[in-house]
Protein backbone atom coordinates (compact mmCIF):
# COMPACT_ATOMS: atom_id res chain seq x y z
CA MET A 1 -46.94 48.87 -116.00
CA THR A 2 -45.02 48.01 -112.85
CA MET A 3 -41.66 49.50 -112.03
CA ALA A 4 -39.06 48.11 -109.67
CA PHE A 5 -37.32 50.37 -107.21
CA HIS A 6 -33.76 51.38 -107.95
CA PRO A 7 -31.57 52.83 -105.17
CA ASP A 8 -30.81 55.97 -107.17
CA LEU A 9 -34.41 56.73 -108.15
CA LYS A 10 -36.86 58.97 -106.32
CA ALA A 11 -40.36 57.99 -105.25
CA LEU A 12 -42.82 56.23 -107.55
CA PRO A 13 -46.58 56.73 -107.73
CA LEU A 14 -48.31 53.99 -105.73
CA ALA A 15 -50.13 52.88 -108.91
CA MET A 16 -46.76 51.90 -110.45
CA ALA A 17 -45.22 50.23 -107.39
CA PRO A 18 -44.65 46.47 -107.23
CA LEU A 19 -47.30 44.30 -105.56
CA GLY A 20 -46.75 42.94 -102.06
CA VAL A 21 -43.76 45.13 -101.22
CA ALA A 22 -43.75 47.25 -98.05
CA LEU A 23 -43.79 50.90 -99.13
CA THR A 24 -43.30 54.13 -97.20
CA VAL A 25 -45.46 57.06 -98.25
CA GLN A 26 -43.12 59.90 -99.12
CA SER A 27 -45.68 62.53 -100.11
CA LEU A 28 -49.21 63.20 -101.32
CA SER A 29 -49.44 65.25 -104.51
CA GLY A 30 -52.94 66.64 -104.42
CA CYS A 31 -55.03 69.49 -103.07
CA ALA A 32 -55.71 70.02 -99.36
CA ASP A 33 -59.01 68.09 -99.56
CA PHE A 34 -57.23 65.12 -101.14
CA SER A 35 -54.55 65.15 -98.43
CA ALA A 36 -57.22 65.38 -95.71
CA ARG A 37 -59.10 62.36 -97.16
CA MET A 38 -55.91 60.30 -97.35
CA LEU A 39 -54.86 61.26 -93.82
CA ALA A 40 -58.33 60.26 -92.55
CA MET A 41 -57.69 56.80 -94.03
CA GLY A 42 -54.29 56.63 -92.31
CA ILE A 43 -52.34 57.28 -95.51
CA GLY A 44 -49.76 60.01 -95.04
CA PRO A 45 -46.04 60.73 -95.21
CA GLY A 46 -44.00 58.20 -93.24
CA ARG A 47 -46.76 55.58 -93.14
CA VAL A 48 -45.86 52.08 -94.33
CA ILE A 49 -48.42 50.59 -96.73
CA ARG A 50 -48.53 47.67 -99.15
CA LEU A 51 -50.07 47.50 -102.63
CA MET A 52 -52.05 44.25 -102.60
CA GLN A 53 -53.88 44.21 -105.93
CA ARG A 54 -54.04 46.20 -109.15
CA GLU A 55 -57.00 45.45 -111.42
CA GLY A 56 -58.49 47.66 -114.08
CA CYS A 57 -58.88 51.18 -112.80
CA HIS A 58 -58.71 50.21 -109.10
CA VAL A 59 -56.03 49.18 -106.63
CA VAL A 60 -56.26 47.59 -103.18
CA LEU A 61 -53.79 48.58 -100.51
CA ALA A 62 -53.09 47.49 -96.95
CA VAL A 63 -52.76 50.17 -94.30
CA GLY A 64 -52.09 48.62 -90.91
CA ASP A 65 -54.81 45.99 -90.39
CA SER A 66 -57.16 47.66 -92.89
CA ARG A 67 -57.62 47.19 -96.63
CA PHE A 68 -58.78 50.02 -98.92
CA GLY A 69 -59.82 50.10 -102.54
CA ILE A 70 -58.97 53.33 -104.34
CA GLY A 71 -58.97 54.48 -107.94
CA ARG A 72 -55.80 54.31 -109.99
CA GLY A 73 -55.89 58.11 -110.41
CA VAL A 74 -55.83 58.52 -106.63
CA ALA A 75 -52.98 55.99 -106.41
CA GLN A 76 -51.02 58.11 -108.90
CA LYS A 77 -51.04 60.98 -106.37
CA ILE A 78 -49.53 58.90 -103.54
CA LEU A 79 -45.74 58.86 -103.92
CA VAL A 80 -43.92 55.97 -102.25
CA ILE A 81 -40.45 54.55 -101.73
CA GLU A 82 -39.52 51.01 -100.76
CA SER A 83 -39.78 50.63 -96.98
CA ARG A 84 -36.74 49.70 -94.97
CA THR A 85 -38.78 48.29 -92.08
CA GLY A 86 -41.54 46.34 -93.82
CA ASP A 87 -43.81 46.84 -90.78
CA LEU A 88 -47.35 47.99 -91.63
CA LYS A 89 -48.07 49.25 -88.09
């Protein structure tokens, strides 16, 4: 299920965000180890990312010039809002 952003709504889990839209990471909702793993991949609050593909239990996202495949459960813990800049750098 994909949800569109509405100006009055709060952040969505990355797994539910629309494909191809620039997204700003608002928060990570996991333990310290989870946050450390995401930060090591360049995924953290304020970072602009893009959900490229959603298939089965995996998603592919763009972070800067890199592409990562992560599980849908992990993507549920990454809360995003629609980016105002659209720049992945």
